[in-house]
Protein backbone atom coordinates (compact mmCIF):
# COMPACT_ATOMS: atom_id res chain seq x y z
CA MET A 1 0.00 0.00 0.00
CA SER A 2 1.49 3.37 -0.98
CA LYS A 3 1.74 6.10 1.61
CA GLN A 4 1.22 9.80 1.05
CA LYS A 5 3.88 11.61 3.10
CA VAL A 6 3.55 15.19 4.24
CA ASN A 7 6.86 16.95 4.82
CA CYS A 8 7.00 18.51 8.28
CA ALA A 9 10.70 19.33 8.25
CA LYS A 10 10.36 22.73 6.60
CA GLY A 11 10.61 25.58 9.08
CA THR A 12 11.71 23.45 12.03
CA ARG A 13 13.67 25.27 14.74
CA GLU A 14 15.74 23.94 17.61
CA ALA A 15 13.75 23.65 20.82
CA GLY A 16 16.58 25.05 22.88
CA LEU A 17 16.74 28.27 20.81
CA TYR A 18 13.10 29.00 20.18
CA HIS A 19 9.83 28.87 22.07
CA ALA A 20 6.98 27.70 19.85
CA VAL A 21 3.86 29.84 19.74
CA LEU A 22 1.82 26.63 19.88
CA SER A 23 3.56 24.29 22.33
CA ALA A 24 2.58 20.63 22.62
CA SER A 25 2.24 20.92 26.39
CA GLY A 26 -0.22 23.80 25.98
CA SER A 27 -2.18 22.18 23.16
CA ARG A 28 -5.31 21.44 25.22
CA ARG A 29 -5.48 25.14 25.99
CA TRP A 30 -5.00 26.58 22.51
CA LEU A 31 -7.24 23.94 20.91
CA ASN A 32 -10.11 25.08 23.16
CA CYS A 33 -9.24 28.77 23.55
CA THR A 34 -7.53 29.59 20.25
CA PRO A 35 -6.63 33.29 20.79
CA SER A 36 -4.91 32.59 24.14
CA ALA A 37 -1.64 31.46 22.49
CA ARG A 38 -0.92 34.87 20.94
CA LEU A 39 -2.04 36.71 24.07
CA GLU A 40 0.39 34.65 26.17
CA LEU A 41 3.29 36.07 24.14
CA GLU A 42 2.70 39.41 25.88
CA PHE A 43 3.65 37.85 29.21
CA GLU A 44 7.15 37.00 30.43
CA ASN A 45 8.28 33.39 30.42
CA THR A 46 8.77 32.20 34.00
CA THR A 47 9.79 28.81 35.40
CA SER A 48 8.24 27.50 38.60
CA GLU A 49 9.95 25.41 41.25
CA ALA A 50 7.75 22.47 40.25
CA ALA A 51 8.82 22.83 36.61
CA ARG A 52 12.52 22.87 37.56
CA GLU A 53 11.96 19.79 39.72
CA GLY A 54 10.23 18.08 36.80
CA THR A 55 13.15 18.89 34.49
CA ALA A 56 15.56 17.33 36.98
CA ALA A 57 13.40 14.19 37.20
CA HIS A 58 13.26 13.90 33.39
CA ALA A 59 17.05 14.16 33.16
CA LEU A 60 17.39 11.37 35.71
CA CYS A 61 14.89 9.24 33.77
CA GLU A 62 16.90 9.70 30.60
CA HIS A 63 20.13 8.71 32.37
CA LYS A 64 18.64 5.55 33.92
CA LEU A 65 17.11 4.41 30.63
CA LYS A 66 20.42 4.88 28.83
CA LYS A 67 22.17 2.81 31.50
CA PHE A 68 19.57 0.05 31.04
CA LEU A 69 20.23 0.14 27.31
CA LYS A 70 24.01 0.11 27.90
CA LYS A 71 24.49 3.56 26.39
CA ARG A 72 27.00 6.08 27.68
CA SER A 73 25.48 8.55 30.12
CA LYS A 74 26.71 10.77 32.93
CA ARG A 75 24.46 10.89 35.95
CA PRO A 76 22.88 14.37 36.21
CA VAL A 77 23.49 16.36 39.38
CA SER A 78 20.61 18.37 40.80
CA ASP A 79 19.56 20.14 43.98
CA TYR A 80 16.18 18.44 43.58
CA ASN A 81 17.40 14.85 43.94
CA SER A 82 15.57 12.99 46.71
CA ASP A 83 14.59 9.48 47.75
CA GLU A 84 11.18 10.02 46.17
CA MET A 85 12.70 11.13 42.87
CA GLU A 86 14.99 8.10 42.86
CA GLU A 87 12.05 5.75 43.40
CA CYS A 88 9.86 7.44 40.78
CA THR A 89 12.56 7.49 38.10
CA ASP A 90 13.50 3.86 38.88
CA ALA A 91 9.85 2.88 38.44
CA TYR A 92 9.64 4.75 35.11
CA ALA A 93 12.82 3.19 33.72
CA GLU A 94 11.65 -0.29 34.77
CA PHE A 95 8.23 0.30 33.19
CA VAL A 96 9.76 1.40 29.89
CA MET A 97 12.05 -1.62 29.81
CA GLU A 98 9.05 -3.88 30.48
CA GLN A 99 7.30 -2.34 27.45
CA TYR A 100 10.45 -2.77 25.38
CA GLU A 101 10.71 -6.46 26.33
CA GLU A 102 7.01 -6.89 25.54
CA ALA A 103 7.59 -5.38 22.09
CA LYS A 104 10.34 -7.94 21.45
CA LYS A 105 7.77 -10.74 21.72
CA SER A 106 6.06 -9.63 18.50
CA CYS A 107 8.96 -7.89 16.76
CA LYS A 108 12.48 -9.17 16.19
CA ASP A 109 14.21 -5.80 16.49
CA PRO A 110 11.96 -3.05 17.95
CA VAL A 111 13.33 0.49 17.99
CA ILE A 112 13.47 2.46 21.24
CA LEU A 113 14.17 6.20 21.26
CA ILE A 114 14.84 8.39 24.30
CA GLU A 115 14.24 12.16 24.35
CA GLN A 116 13.47 12.15 20.63
CA LYS A 117 12.98 15.51 18.90
CA LEU A 118 9.66 15.47 17.04
CA ASP A 119 8.33 17.72 14.30
CA PHE A 120 4.59 18.06 13.65
CA SER A 121 4.71 21.40 11.82
CA CYS A 122 2.73 19.99 8.88
CA TYR A 123 -0.30 20.18 11.19
CA VAL A 124 0.72 22.89 13.69
CA PRO A 125 2.61 25.97 12.45
CA GLU A 126 6.23 25.75 13.70
CA GLY A 127 5.18 22.77 15.85
CA PHE A 128 7.85 20.67 17.52
CA GLY A 129 8.44 18.86 20.80
CA THR A 130 10.42 16.15 22.57
CA GLY A 131 9.08 12.66 23.22
CA ASP A 132 10.32 11.08 26.44
CA CYS A 133 10.29 7.57 25.00
CA ILE A 134 9.14 6.02 21.73
CA ILE A 135 9.00 2.30 20.95
CA ILE A 136 8.35 1.12 17.37
CA SER A 137 7.61 -2.55 16.73
CA ASP A 138 6.47 -3.34 13.18
CA ASP A 139 2.82 -2.21 13.08
CA LYS A 140 2.73 -0.57 16.54
CA LEU A 141 3.97 2.76 17.80
CA HIS A 142 4.11 3.39 21.56
CA ILE A 143 4.64 6.88 23.02
CA ILE A 144 5.48 7.01 26.76
CA ASP A 145 5.46 10.32 28.62
CA PHE A 146 6.80 10.78 32.16
CA LYS A 147 4.93 13.22 34.40
CA TYR A 148 6.58 14.02 37.73
CA GLY A 149 3.90 16.50 38.79
CA GLN A 150 1.30 15.42 41.31
CA GLY A 151 -1.10 18.36 41.35
CA ILE A 152 -3.24 17.34 38.37
CA LEU A 153 -4.03 13.78 37.29
CA VAL A 154 -3.12 13.43 33.61
CA GLU A 155 -5.03 10.98 31.41
CA ALA A 156 -3.80 9.53 28.11
CA GLU A 157 -7.22 9.27 26.43
CA HIS A 158 -7.63 11.98 23.78
CA ASN A 159 -4.60 13.78 25.26
CA PRO A 160 -3.63 16.29 22.53
CA GLN A 161 0.00 16.58 23.69
CA MET A 162 0.45 12.84 23.27
CA MET A 163 -1.40 12.87 19.95
CA LEU A 164 0.92 15.59 18.66
CA TYR A 165 3.95 13.54 19.69
CA ALA A 166 2.45 10.53 17.92
CA LEU A 167 2.02 12.58 14.73
CA GLY A 168 5.63 13.75 15.00
CA ALA A 169 6.85 10.17 15.43
CA LEU A 170 4.76 9.01 12.48
CA GLU A 171 6.35 11.70 10.34
CA ILE A 172 9.70 9.96 10.93
CA TYR A 173 8.74 6.29 10.90
CA ASP A 174 5.46 5.87 9.02
CA ALA A 175 7.35 5.49 5.74
CA LEU A 176 9.68 2.85 7.23
CA TYR A 177 7.12 0.76 9.10
CA ASP A 178 3.57 -0.30 8.31
CA ILE A 179 2.22 1.27 11.53
CA LYS A 180 -1.46 0.56 12.11
CA GLU A 181 -2.07 1.78 15.65
CA VAL A 182 -0.57 4.13 18.20
CA SER A 183 -0.56 3.59 21.96
CA MET A 184 0.03 6.53 24.28
CA THR A 185 0.97 6.07 27.93
CA ILE A 186 1.16 8.63 30.73
CA PHE A 187 3.43 7.45 33.57
CA GLN A 188 2.67 9.63 36.61
CA PRO A 189 4.20 7.85 39.64
CA ARG A 190 3.44 10.43 42.33
CA ARG A 191 -0.25 9.99 41.54
CA GLU A 192 0.10 6.21 41.13
CA ASN A 193 -1.25 6.76 37.63
CA ILE A 194 -0.38 4.73 34.55
CA SER A 195 -2.85 5.65 31.82
CA THR A 196 -2.72 4.10 28.33
CA TRP A 197 -4.89 4.80 25.30
CA THR A 198 -4.67 3.22 21.83
CA ILE A 199 -5.99 4.71 18.60
CA PRO A 200 -5.89 3.44 14.99
CA ILE A 201 -3.59 5.51 12.81
CA GLU A 202 -6.45 6.42 10.46
CA GLU A 203 -8.43 8.00 13.33
CA LEU A 204 -5.37 9.92 14.54
CA LYS A 205 -4.70 11.36 11.10
CA ALA A 206 -8.38 12.18 10.59
CA TRP A 207 -8.35 14.15 13.88
CA ALA A 208 -5.19 15.91 12.76
CA GLU A 209 -6.68 17.02 9.45
CA GLU A 210 -10.25 17.78 10.52
CA GLU A 211 -9.77 19.30 14.00
CA LEU A 212 -6.14 19.94 14.83
CA LYS A 213 -4.98 21.63 11.64
CA PRO A 214 -7.74 24.28 11.33
CA LYS A 215 -7.72 25.11 15.05
CA ALA A 216 -3.93 25.31 15.14
CA GLN A 217 -3.99 27.81 12.27
CA MET A 218 -6.63 29.88 14.09
CA ALA A 219 -4.53 29.82 17.25
CA TYR A 220 -1.36 30.77 15.38
CA ASP A 221 -3.19 33.71 13.78
CA GLY A 222 -4.74 34.76 17.11
CA ASP A 223 -8.28 34.21 15.84
CA GLY A 224 -11.33 32.73 17.56
CA GLU A 225 -13.19 33.30 20.82
CA TYR A 226 -11.79 33.21 24.35
CA LEU A 227 -13.24 30.18 26.11
CA PRO A 228 -12.45 29.62 29.82
CA GLY A 229 -12.30 26.08 31.19
CA GLU A 230 -10.12 23.58 33.06
CA TRP A 231 -7.38 24.22 30.46
CA CYS A 232 -6.83 27.69 32.00
CA THR A 233 -4.76 26.19 34.84
CA PHE A 234 -1.27 26.86 33.42
CA CYS A 235 -2.17 29.78 31.15
CA LYS A 236 0.01 32.86 31.72
CA VAL A 237 -3.03 35.05 31.00
CA ALA A 238 -5.38 33.29 33.43
CA VAL A 239 -5.20 35.78 36.31
CA LYS A 240 -5.95 38.83 34.13
CA CYS A 241 -8.19 37.12 31.55
CA ARG A 242 -11.49 38.99 31.24
CA ALA A 243 -13.43 36.03 29.81
CA ARG A 244 -12.40 33.86 32.75
CA ALA A 245 -13.14 36.62 35.27
CA GLU A 246 -16.62 37.15 33.85
CA GLU A 247 -17.37 33.43 34.12
CA LYS A 248 -16.14 33.24 37.72
CA MET A 249 -18.02 36.38 38.74
CA LYS A 250 -21.25 34.83 37.47
CA LEU A 251 -20.65 31.92 39.84
CA ALA A 252 -19.67 34.22 42.69
CA ARG A 253 -22.92 36.20 42.36
CA LEU A 254 -25.06 33.14 42.99
CA GLU A 255 -26.95 33.60 46.25
CA PHE A 256 -26.88 30.33 48.14
CA LYS A 257 -29.08 29.58 51.14
CA MET A 258 -27.63 28.07 54.32
CA PRO A 259 -26.41 24.52 53.49
CA PRO A 260 -29.08 22.66 55.54
CA LEU A 261 -31.80 24.33 53.44
CA LEU A 262 -30.34 23.31 50.10
CA THR A 263 -31.55 20.26 48.23
CA ASP A 264 -29.08 17.42 47.59
CA ALA A 265 -28.92 18.44 43.93
CA GLU A 266 -28.07 22.05 44.87
CA ILE A 267 -25.32 20.92 47.26
CA GLU A 268 -23.87 18.71 44.52
CA GLU A 269 -23.88 21.68 42.14
CA VAL A 270 -22.08 23.86 44.69
CA LEU A 271 -19.51 21.12 45.36
CA THR A 272 -18.77 20.99 41.63
CA ILE A 273 -18.33 24.76 41.31
CA LEU A 274 -16.43 25.61 44.50
CA PRO A 275 -12.95 24.15 43.75
CA ASP A 276 -12.57 26.12 40.52
CA LEU A 277 -14.03 29.28 42.03
CA THR A 278 -11.78 29.03 45.09
CA LYS A 279 -8.73 28.39 42.92
CA TRP A 280 -9.48 31.46 40.79
CA ALA A 281 -9.97 33.62 43.90
CA ASN A 282 -6.62 32.42 45.29
CA GLU A 283 -4.89 33.21 41.98
CA ILE A 284 -6.28 36.76 42.02
CA THR A 285 -5.15 37.23 45.63
CA ALA A 286 -1.65 35.92 44.84
CA TYR A 287 -1.35 38.18 41.79
CA ALA A 288 -2.52 41.30 43.64
CA THR A 289 -0.27 40.55 46.63
CA GLU A 290 2.81 40.01 44.46
CA ALA A 291 2.13 43.26 42.57
CA ALA A 292 1.74 45.21 45.82
CA ILE A 293 4.80 43.77 47.60
CA HIS A 294 7.30 43.59 44.74
CA HIS A 295 6.12 46.31 42.35
CA GLY A 296 4.61 48.93 44.66
CA LYS A 297 1.11 48.56 43.21
CA GLU A 298 -1.55 50.26 45.36
CA TRP A 299 -5.02 48.72 45.39
CA ASN A 300 -7.91 50.92 46.55
CA GLY A 301 -9.17 49.73 49.93
CA PHE A 302 -6.18 47.46 50.61
CA LYS A 303 -2.77 47.79 52.26
CA VAL A 304 0.30 45.64 52.87
CA VAL A 305 0.88 44.71 56.52
CA GLU A 306 3.32 42.49 58.37
CA GLY A 307 1.91 38.99 58.80
CA ARG A 308 1.92 36.98 62.00
CA SER A 309 5.13 35.19 62.94
CA ASN A 310 6.35 32.85 65.67
CA ARG A 311 9.09 33.55 68.17
CA LYS A 312 12.48 31.95 67.46
CA TYR A 313 15.72 31.45 69.38
CA ARG A 314 18.48 33.77 68.17
CA ASP A 315 21.19 31.19 68.96
CA GLU A 316 20.26 27.70 70.20
CA LEU A 317 23.70 27.03 71.71
CA LEU A 318 23.59 30.24 73.76
CA VAL A 319 20.02 29.46 74.83
CA ALA A 320 21.03 25.97 76.03
CA GLU A 321 24.01 27.37 77.89
CA ALA A 322 21.93 30.05 79.62
CA ALA A 323 19.23 27.51 80.60
CA ARG A 324 21.80 25.10 82.11
CA GLU A 325 23.43 27.91 84.10
CA HIS A 326 20.09 28.45 85.80
CA GLY A 327 19.53 24.77 86.57
CA TYR A 328 17.31 23.76 83.67
CA THR A 329 18.68 20.57 82.07
CA ASP A 330 15.66 18.77 80.59
CA ILE A 331 15.60 21.04 77.53
CA TYR A 332 16.09 18.63 74.58
CA ARG A 333 13.76 16.20 72.81
CA GLN A 334 15.00 12.96 71.25
CA THR A 335 13.08 11.64 68.22
CA LEU A 336 13.69 9.08 65.48
CA ILE A 337 15.03 10.35 62.19
CA PRO A 338 12.41 10.51 59.38
CA MET A 339 11.59 7.22 57.64
CA THR A 340 13.16 8.22 54.30
CA GLU A 341 16.43 9.06 56.08
CA MET A 342 16.32 5.73 57.96
CA GLN A 343 15.80 3.83 54.68
CA LYS A 344 18.66 5.72 53.04
CA LEU A 345 20.89 4.98 56.06
CA MET A 346 20.19 1.22 56.02
CA GLY A 347 19.50 0.65 52.35
CA LYS A 348 16.10 -0.41 51.00
CA SER A 349 16.48 -4.20 51.41
CA VAL A 350 18.02 -4.03 54.91
CA PHE A 351 15.40 -1.49 55.96
CA GLU A 352 12.61 -3.86 54.88
CA GLU A 353 14.30 -6.82 56.57
CA ILE A 354 14.86 -5.10 59.92
CA LEU A 355 11.94 -2.70 60.18
CA GLY A 356 9.39 -3.95 57.63
CA GLU A 357 7.05 -5.48 60.22
CA LEU A 358 7.34 -2.38 62.41
CA ILE A 359 6.13 -0.02 59.68
CA TYR A 360 2.49 0.67 58.93
CA LYS A 361 0.54 3.20 56.93
CA PRO A 362 -2.47 4.61 58.79
CA PRO A 363 -5.65 5.30 56.82
CA GLY A 364 -5.94 8.79 55.40
CA LYS A 365 -8.48 11.31 56.57
CA PRO A 366 -11.84 10.83 54.79
CA THR A 367 -12.15 13.34 51.96
CA LEU A 368 -15.05 14.08 49.65
CA VAL A 369 -13.91 14.08 45.99
CA PRO A 370 -15.59 13.81 42.55
CA ASN A 371 -16.26 10.33 41.15
CA THR A 372 -13.57 10.98 38.53
CA ASP A 373 -10.92 10.54 41.27
CA LYS A 374 -9.23 7.15 40.78
CA ARG A 375 -9.01 6.27 44.48
CA PRO A 376 -11.52 3.61 45.58
CA ALA A 377 -14.51 4.77 47.63
CA MET A 378 -14.27 4.24 51.39
CA ASN A 379 -16.73 1.98 53.15
CA ILE A 380 -18.21 4.39 55.67
CA THR A 381 -19.87 2.13 58.28
CA ASN A 382 -20.02 4.42 61.28
CA ALA A 383 -20.88 7.69 59.64
CA GLU A 384 -23.57 8.54 62.18
CA ASN A 385 -21.02 8.30 64.99
CA GLU A 386 -18.54 10.54 63.20
CA PHE A 387 -20.81 13.32 62.00
CA ASP A 388 -23.78 15.23 63.34
CA LYS A 389 -26.93 14.29 61.50
CA ILE A 390 -28.39 17.11 59.40
CA VAL A 391 -32.07 17.48 60.11
CA GLU A 392 -34.37 19.91 58.34
CA ASP A 393 -36.79 21.87 60.51
């Protein structure tokens, strides 16, 4: 069967030298709110602590995979290294190698690529990105993406970032292999989330031509309507976006009765709205506070004051000496070192052997969450003993 190949190479730029107007990571946002991409260019690029931590984790993942594959690699050094990061990156590397070994069962010589530069500019103007791991085995293409963040659960199904990476990988390998389906996996260890979705190549390309391509062109040109939604989370414009503010203010103007007088349906509606409304309010507060403290912005009706603080010893050694001189000797507490430090001190296997039976994990505090949360529902058997019964007059 002959293949029609679209050349994406024209106009490609190096990721390290150029920030794409339409990034793969922001694709859910600009596909839904097309003019936001151009508006974001008016705001300065900033990197959060979480983003820097994620970059460090990705570098460690790359190193460990290369070591598994017997490729030369120098272990990256980072201020963010921790026991948790070691465990998460170990788990990722082991998962990828499991997928690679699985691919060998149906393919004599599968190809595995690490941190592969991908070009999908035939669908998205100047579109490029980097795939964490790609495995090609005859008629199957598998994209694996490592997510170190734990704030938002990331799903693979209809994930546009993953679909863009798949299109970029197909641009390289579709002519060499008779690829029929693409699997996309999100590996998010700090949320205990491994999400995989598979789509036939025809459906992926149909989405690219019918939905992605026209919307990407609109976004690149700055056309379309502003549309607030869950994709606003990492938008640089979110705090000052008028469309988003108008939507939130509509919610804020709702006049709710006292909770006991609401129907169950009304309470459920409020529970659905509150997290997003609260998050937006906190973002506005953080923005206004930062502007006032660091840029001298004056807001009518508000002022900057010194927050509450706790007393501290100026010099603990001098404090101890002064206390002893006056006859006070019982001034220190002795506690065990934290569990992660203990495990690092002993080593994981010795720690399990010596202390395994002395370690337990208490149940977490009951929390009300949407049904979309992946944690299993608790079996609440003594609810009446734990909570006051709500009785309508």
